[in-house]
Amino acid sequence: MEFSLYAADCRNNPKNCLYHNEYKVDSKEAMVKAASFDHVTARFAKNYRNIGNFELTNVAVMDCDNDHSEDPLSWIYPENYDRLFPGVSFVVVPSRNNMKEKDGKAARPRHHVYFPHGTMIDAKKYA
């Protein structure tokens, strides 16, 4: 399994739109390094994130905040994905708010799940 992430030189900067560092994710170490910066899952023209600049991607990401319920028995945990998506390759990365109280809701598992796939060059189909 290998996919690409495009990272900024910063972290937690909501105004940033530049992602010029490409990381080939093929190991836990590579994922940890890429995820230590703000990052996106697509390559953009001039490295500037904008739907009109979309060039390609080979990974989809899902954000799981477990905000659908206050019942811990209904939450999705990282170890659930093997059962939920048998035979599908994925990588789970904890969110920065993982197991923290947020927006008045109790601490709970929050994470991102990356699903590698073939290269896509059509932004509408990818969306």
N, C-alpha and C. Protein backbone atom coordinates (compact mmCIF):
# COMPACT_ATOMS: atom_id res chain seq x y z
N MET A 1 0.84 -1.17 0.00
CA MET A 1 0.00 0.00 0.00
C MET A 1 0.89 1.23 0.00
N GLU A 2 0.58 2.16 -0.92
CA GLU A 2 1.29 3.43 -0.96
C GLU A 2 0.33 4.49 -1.48
N PHE A 3 0.41 5.66 -0.91
CA PHE A 3 -0.38 6.79 -1.39
C PHE A 3 0.39 8.07 -1.09
N SER A 4 -0.09 9.18 -1.63
CA SER A 4 0.59 10.45 -1.45
C SER A 4 -0.23 11.42 -0.62
N LEU A 5 0.45 12.14 0.24
CA LEU A 5 -0.12 13.26 0.97
C LEU A 5 0.73 14.48 0.64
N TYR A 6 0.11 15.64 0.69
CA TYR A 6 0.78 16.89 0.36
C TYR A 6 0.69 17.78 1.59
N ALA A 7 1.84 18.12 2.14
CA ALA A 7 1.89 18.80 3.43
C ALA A 7 2.38 20.24 3.31
N ALA A 8 1.92 21.03 4.27
CA ALA A 8 2.39 22.41 4.41
C ALA A 8 3.62 22.41 5.31
N ASP A 9 4.15 23.58 5.53
CA ASP A 9 5.26 23.74 6.46
C ASP A 9 4.77 24.15 7.83
N CYS A 10 3.46 24.04 8.05
CA CYS A 10 2.88 24.53 9.31
C CYS A 10 1.88 23.50 9.84
N ARG A 11 1.38 23.81 11.02
CA ARG A 11 0.39 22.95 11.66
C ARG A 11 -0.66 23.84 12.31
N ASN A 12 -1.94 23.44 12.15
CA ASN A 12 -3.07 24.15 12.76
C ASN A 12 -3.18 25.61 12.31
N ASN A 13 -2.96 25.84 11.03
CA ASN A 13 -3.09 27.18 10.46
C ASN A 13 -4.26 27.16 9.47
N PRO A 14 -5.46 27.57 9.91
CA PRO A 14 -6.63 27.50 9.04
C PRO A 14 -6.55 28.40 7.81
N LYS A 15 -5.66 29.38 7.80
CA LYS A 15 -5.54 30.29 6.65
C LYS A 15 -4.57 29.76 5.59
N ASN A 16 -3.83 28.73 5.90
CA ASN A 16 -2.86 28.20 4.95
C ASN A 16 -3.56 27.53 3.77
N CYS A 17 -3.03 27.75 2.57
CA CYS A 17 -3.53 27.09 1.35
C CYS A 17 -2.41 26.46 0.53
N LEU A 18 -1.17 26.51 1.03
CA LEU A 18 -0.03 25.99 0.29
C LEU A 18 0.43 24.64 0.84
N TYR A 19 0.49 23.66 -0.05
CA TYR A 19 0.87 22.29 0.32
C TYR A 19 1.89 21.78 -0.69
N HIS A 20 3.14 22.16 -0.52
CA HIS A 20 4.15 21.86 -1.53
C HIS A 20 5.08 20.70 -1.20
N ASN A 21 4.89 20.05 -0.08
CA ASN A 21 5.74 18.92 0.30
C ASN A 21 5.00 17.61 0.06
N GLU A 22 5.44 16.85 -0.93
CA GLU A 22 4.79 15.57 -1.21
C GLU A 22 5.44 14.47 -0.37
N TYR A 23 4.60 13.68 0.28
CA TYR A 23 5.05 12.53 1.06
C TYR A 23 4.47 11.28 0.44
N LYS A 24 5.34 10.34 0.09
CA LYS A 24 4.90 9.02 -0.35
C LYS A 24 4.74 8.19 0.91
N VAL A 25 3.52 7.86 1.25
CA VAL A 25 3.24 7.13 2.47
C VAL A 25 3.24 5.63 2.16
N ASP A 26 4.27 4.96 2.67
CA ASP A 26 4.39 3.52 2.48
C ASP A 26 4.80 2.81 3.76
N SER A 27 4.79 3.57 4.87
CA SER A 27 5.15 2.99 6.16
C SER A 27 4.54 3.84 7.27
N LYS A 28 4.55 3.28 8.46
CA LYS A 28 4.05 4.02 9.62
C LYS A 28 4.87 5.30 9.82
N GLU A 29 6.17 5.18 9.66
CA GLU A 29 7.05 6.33 9.86
C GLU A 29 6.74 7.47 8.88
N ALA A 30 6.49 7.10 7.63
CA ALA A 30 6.17 8.11 6.62
C ALA A 30 4.83 8.79 6.94
N MET A 31 3.87 8.01 7.42
CA MET A 31 2.57 8.58 7.77
C MET A 31 2.70 9.52 8.96
N VAL A 32 3.46 9.12 9.96
CA VAL A 32 3.65 9.97 11.15
C VAL A 32 4.29 11.29 10.73
N LYS A 33 5.29 11.22 9.86
CA LYS A 33 5.97 12.43 9.42
C LYS A 33 5.02 13.35 8.65
N ALA A 34 4.28 12.81 7.69
CA ALA A 34 3.35 13.61 6.89
C ALA A 34 2.24 14.20 7.76
N ALA A 35 1.71 13.41 8.67
CA ALA A 35 0.59 13.85 9.51
C ALA A 35 1.02 14.84 10.58
N SER A 36 2.31 15.05 10.73
CA SER A 36 2.76 16.02 11.73
C SER A 36 2.60 17.46 11.23
N PHE A 37 2.20 17.61 9.96
CA PHE A 37 1.94 18.92 9.37
C PHE A 37 0.51 18.97 8.87
N ASP A 38 -0.02 20.18 8.65
CA ASP A 38 -1.28 20.29 7.93
C ASP A 38 -1.07 19.63 6.57
N HIS A 39 -2.05 18.86 6.12
CA HIS A 39 -1.87 18.15 4.86
C HIS A 39 -3.20 17.95 4.15
N VAL A 40 -3.10 17.66 2.87
CA VAL A 40 -4.26 17.37 2.04
C VAL A 40 -3.99 16.08 1.29
N THR A 41 -5.03 15.52 0.71
CA THR A 41 -4.90 14.24 0.03
C THR A 41 -4.83 14.37 -1.48
N ALA A 42 -4.77 15.60 -1.99
CA ALA A 42 -4.72 15.81 -3.44
C ALA A 42 -3.56 16.73 -3.78
N ARG A 43 -3.09 16.57 -5.03
CA ARG A 43 -2.09 17.50 -5.55
C ARG A 43 -2.84 18.62 -6.27
N PHE A 44 -2.37 19.85 -6.06
CA PHE A 44 -3.00 21.02 -6.66
C PHE A 44 -1.97 21.78 -7.48
N ALA A 45 -2.43 22.39 -8.58
CA ALA A 45 -1.55 23.22 -9.40
C ALA A 45 -0.96 24.33 -8.55
N LYS A 46 0.32 24.58 -8.77
CA LYS A 46 1.06 25.61 -8.02
C LYS A 46 1.00 25.36 -6.51
N ASN A 47 0.68 24.12 -6.13
CA ASN A 47 0.62 23.71 -4.72
C ASN A 47 -0.41 24.50 -3.91
N TYR A 48 -1.34 25.16 -4.58
CA TYR A 48 -2.33 26.01 -3.93
C TYR A 48 -3.68 25.30 -3.89
N ARG A 49 -4.14 25.00 -2.68
CA ARG A 49 -5.40 24.27 -2.51
C ARG A 49 -6.58 25.14 -2.94
N ASN A 50 -7.23 24.66 -3.98
CA ASN A 50 -8.39 25.32 -4.54
C ASN A 50 -9.01 24.31 -5.50
N ILE A 51 -10.32 24.17 -5.50
CA ILE A 51 -10.96 23.14 -6.32
C ILE A 51 -10.59 23.29 -7.80
N GLY A 52 -10.41 24.52 -8.26
CA GLY A 52 -10.02 24.73 -9.65
C GLY A 52 -8.59 24.30 -9.94
N ASN A 53 -7.79 24.11 -8.91
CA ASN A 53 -6.40 23.69 -9.08
C ASN A 53 -6.20 22.18 -8.89
N PHE A 54 -7.27 21.45 -8.64
CA PHE A 54 -7.17 20.01 -8.41
C PHE A 54 -6.48 19.34 -9.60
N GLU A 55 -5.47 18.52 -9.29
CA GLU A 55 -4.79 17.75 -10.33
C GLU A 55 -5.02 16.26 -10.20
N LEU A 56 -4.78 15.72 -9.00
CA LEU A 56 -4.95 14.27 -8.83
C LEU A 56 -4.91 13.89 -7.36
N THR A 57 -5.37 12.67 -7.11
CA THR A 57 -5.30 12.07 -5.78
C THR A 57 -5.27 10.56 -5.92
N ASN A 58 -4.74 9.90 -4.90
CA ASN A 58 -4.78 8.44 -4.88
C ASN A 58 -5.16 7.92 -3.49
N VAL A 59 -5.86 8.78 -2.72
CA VAL A 59 -6.31 8.39 -1.39
C VAL A 59 -7.53 9.22 -1.01
N ALA A 60 -8.48 8.58 -0.36
CA ALA A 60 -9.64 9.28 0.20
C ALA A 60 -9.51 9.26 1.71
N VAL A 61 -10.02 10.30 2.35
CA VAL A 61 -9.93 10.37 3.81
C VAL A 61 -11.32 10.57 4.38
N MET A 62 -11.56 9.91 5.50
CA MET A 62 -12.83 10.03 6.22
C MET A 62 -12.51 10.52 7.63
N ASP A 63 -13.28 11.48 8.09
CA ASP A 63 -13.12 12.02 9.43
C ASP A 63 -14.18 11.38 10.32
N CYS A 64 -13.78 10.80 11.41
CA CYS A 64 -14.71 10.18 12.35
C CYS A 64 -14.61 10.88 13.70
N ASP A 65 -15.63 11.70 14.02
CA ASP A 65 -15.66 12.41 15.30
C ASP A 65 -16.56 11.74 16.33
N ASN A 66 -17.28 10.69 15.92
CA ASN A 66 -18.20 9.99 16.81
C ASN A 66 -19.17 10.95 17.49
N ASP A 67 -19.66 11.92 16.72
CA ASP A 67 -20.62 12.87 17.28
C ASP A 67 -22.06 12.47 17.00
N HIS A 68 -22.27 11.27 16.48
CA HIS A 68 -23.60 10.78 16.17
C HIS A 68 -24.35 10.29 17.41
N SER A 69 -23.63 10.09 18.52
CA SER A 69 -24.26 9.52 19.71
C SER A 69 -23.44 9.84 20.95
N GLU A 70 -24.12 9.87 22.06
CA GLU A 70 -23.42 10.02 23.35
C GLU A 70 -23.16 8.67 24.00
N ASP A 71 -23.57 7.60 23.34
CA ASP A 71 -23.42 6.25 23.85
C ASP A 71 -22.09 5.64 23.39
N PRO A 72 -21.14 5.44 24.30
CA PRO A 72 -19.84 4.87 23.91
C PRO A 72 -19.95 3.52 23.21
N LEU A 73 -21.02 2.78 23.45
CA LEU A 73 -21.17 1.48 22.79
C LEU A 73 -21.46 1.62 21.30
N SER A 74 -21.89 2.80 20.86
CA SER A 74 -22.17 3.00 19.43
C SER A 74 -21.03 3.72 18.72
N TRP A 75 -19.99 4.10 19.43
CA TRP A 75 -18.87 4.80 18.81
C TRP A 75 -18.04 3.84 17.96
N ILE A 76 -17.37 4.40 16.99
CA ILE A 76 -16.47 3.63 16.14
C ILE A 76 -15.04 3.83 16.65
N TYR A 77 -14.37 2.74 16.89
CA TYR A 77 -13.00 2.74 17.38
C TYR A 77 -12.07 2.31 16.25
N PRO A 78 -10.82 2.76 16.26
CA PRO A 78 -9.90 2.37 15.19
C PRO A 78 -9.84 0.86 14.95
N GLU A 79 -9.93 0.08 16.00
CA GLU A 79 -9.86 -1.38 15.83
C GLU A 79 -11.09 -1.96 15.15
N ASN A 80 -12.15 -1.17 14.95
CA ASN A 80 -13.38 -1.63 14.28
C ASN A 80 -13.24 -1.71 12.76
N TYR A 81 -12.27 -1.01 12.18
CA TYR A 81 -12.23 -0.88 10.72
C TYR A 81 -11.94 -2.18 9.99
N ASP A 82 -11.16 -3.06 10.59
CA ASP A 82 -10.93 -4.36 9.94
C ASP A 82 -12.24 -5.11 9.73
N ARG A 83 -13.13 -5.02 10.71
CA ARG A 83 -14.43 -5.68 10.60
C ARG A 83 -15.38 -4.91 9.68
N LEU A 84 -15.33 -3.58 9.74
CA LEU A 84 -16.23 -2.76 8.93
C LEU A 84 -15.87 -2.79 7.45
N PHE A 85 -14.58 -2.90 7.14
CA PHE A 85 -14.11 -2.89 5.76
C PHE A 85 -13.18 -4.07 5.50
N PRO A 86 -13.70 -5.29 5.55
CA PRO A 86 -12.82 -6.45 5.37
C PRO A 86 -12.16 -6.43 3.99
N GLY A 87 -10.85 -6.70 3.99
CA GLY A 87 -10.11 -6.77 2.75
C GLY A 87 -9.74 -5.41 2.15
N VAL A 88 -10.08 -4.32 2.82
CA VAL A 88 -9.79 -2.98 2.31
C VAL A 88 -8.57 -2.41 3.04
N SER A 89 -7.65 -1.84 2.29
CA SER A 89 -6.47 -1.21 2.90
C SER A 89 -6.85 0.15 3.47
N PHE A 90 -6.32 0.47 4.63
CA PHE A 90 -6.59 1.76 5.25
C PHE A 90 -5.52 2.06 6.29
N VAL A 91 -5.45 3.34 6.67
CA VAL A 91 -4.57 3.80 7.73
C VAL A 91 -5.42 4.68 8.64
N VAL A 92 -5.32 4.47 9.95
CA VAL A 92 -6.06 5.28 10.92
C VAL A 92 -5.06 6.16 11.67
N VAL A 93 -5.40 7.45 11.77
CA VAL A 93 -4.57 8.41 12.49
C VAL A 93 -5.45 9.15 13.49
N PRO A 94 -5.07 9.20 14.75
CA PRO A 94 -5.88 9.94 15.73
C PRO A 94 -5.95 11.42 15.37
N SER A 95 -7.10 12.03 15.60
CA SER A 95 -7.27 13.47 15.41
C SER A 95 -6.61 14.19 16.58
N ARG A 96 -6.37 15.47 16.41
CA ARG A 96 -5.75 16.23 17.51
C ARG A 96 -6.68 16.33 18.71
N ASN A 97 -7.99 16.13 18.50
CA ASN A 97 -8.95 16.16 19.61
C ASN A 97 -9.35 14.77 20.07
N ASN A 98 -8.58 13.76 19.70
CA ASN A 98 -8.87 12.40 20.12
C ASN A 98 -8.89 12.29 21.64
N MET A 99 -9.95 11.72 22.16
CA MET A 99 -10.15 11.48 23.59
C MET A 99 -10.07 12.77 24.42
N LYS A 100 -10.53 13.88 23.81
CA LYS A 100 -10.63 15.15 24.51
C LYS A 100 -12.07 15.64 24.46
N GLU A 101 -12.48 16.36 25.49
CA GLU A 101 -13.80 17.00 25.46
C GLU A 101 -13.76 18.07 24.37
N LYS A 102 -14.86 18.16 23.58
CA LYS A 102 -14.90 19.14 22.49
C LYS A 102 -16.34 19.58 22.29
N ASP A 103 -16.54 20.88 22.20
CA ASP A 103 -17.87 21.45 21.96
C ASP A 103 -18.90 20.94 22.96
N GLY A 104 -18.49 20.79 24.20
CA GLY A 104 -19.40 20.34 25.25
C GLY A 104 -19.70 18.86 25.24
N LYS A 105 -19.07 18.12 24.35
CA LYS A 105 -19.29 16.67 24.28
C LYS A 105 -18.16 15.95 25.01
N ALA A 106 -18.51 14.84 25.63
CA ALA A 106 -17.53 14.05 26.37
C ALA A 106 -16.39 13.60 25.47
N ALA A 107 -15.25 13.34 26.08
CA ALA A 107 -14.10 12.80 25.35
C ALA A 107 -14.52 11.51 24.66
N ARG A 108 -14.02 11.33 23.45
CA ARG A 108 -14.37 10.14 22.66
C ARG A 108 -13.31 9.92 21.59
N PRO A 109 -13.28 8.75 20.97
CA PRO A 109 -12.31 8.52 19.90
C PRO A 109 -12.65 9.39 18.68
N ARG A 110 -11.65 10.13 18.25
CA ARG A 110 -11.77 10.94 17.03
C ARG A 110 -10.55 10.63 16.19
N HIS A 111 -10.79 10.34 14.92
CA HIS A 111 -9.67 9.94 14.07
C HIS A 111 -9.99 10.16 12.60
N HIS A 112 -8.94 10.02 11.79
CA HIS A 112 -9.05 10.10 10.34
C HIS A 112 -8.68 8.73 9.78
N VAL A 113 -9.41 8.32 8.74
CA VAL A 113 -9.13 7.04 8.09
C VAL A 113 -8.81 7.33 6.63
N TYR A 114 -7.65 6.88 6.20
CA TYR A 114 -7.18 7.08 4.83
C TYR A 114 -7.36 5.78 4.06
N PHE A 115 -8.02 5.87 2.90
CA PHE A 115 -8.27 4.72 2.04
C PHE A 115 -7.56 4.91 0.70
N PRO A 116 -6.43 4.24 0.49
CA PRO A 116 -5.73 4.36 -0.80
C PRO A 116 -6.58 3.79 -1.93
N HIS A 117 -6.46 4.37 -3.10
CA HIS A 117 -7.17 3.89 -4.29
C HIS A 117 -6.35 4.28 -5.52
N GLY A 118 -6.81 3.88 -6.67
CA GLY A 118 -6.14 4.25 -7.91
C GLY A 118 -6.16 5.76 -8.10
N THR A 119 -5.28 6.24 -8.95
CA THR A 119 -5.18 7.67 -9.20
C THR A 119 -6.45 8.20 -9.88
N MET A 120 -6.95 9.30 -9.34
CA MET A 120 -8.12 9.97 -9.92
C MET A 120 -7.71 11.38 -10.32
N ILE A 121 -8.18 11.82 -11.50
CA ILE A 121 -7.83 13.16 -11.98
C ILE A 121 -9.06 14.04 -12.18
N ASP A 122 -10.23 13.54 -11.86
CA ASP A 122 -11.46 14.30 -12.00
C ASP A 122 -11.98 14.70 -10.63
N ALA A 123 -11.94 15.98 -10.31
CA ALA A 123 -12.34 16.46 -8.99
C ALA A 123 -13.79 16.16 -8.68
N LYS A 124 -14.68 16.24 -9.68
CA LYS A 124 -16.10 15.98 -9.44
C LYS A 124 -16.33 14.51 -9.09
N LYS A 125 -15.68 13.61 -9.82
CA LYS A 125 -15.82 12.19 -9.52
C LYS A 125 -15.23 11.87 -8.15
N TYR A 126 -14.11 12.50 -7.82
CA TYR A 126 -13.49 12.27 -6.52
C TYR A 126 -14.42 12.74 -5.40
N ALA A 127 -15.01 13.89 -5.57
CA ALA A 127 -15.94 14.42 -4.54
C ALA A 127 -17.11 13.49 -4.36
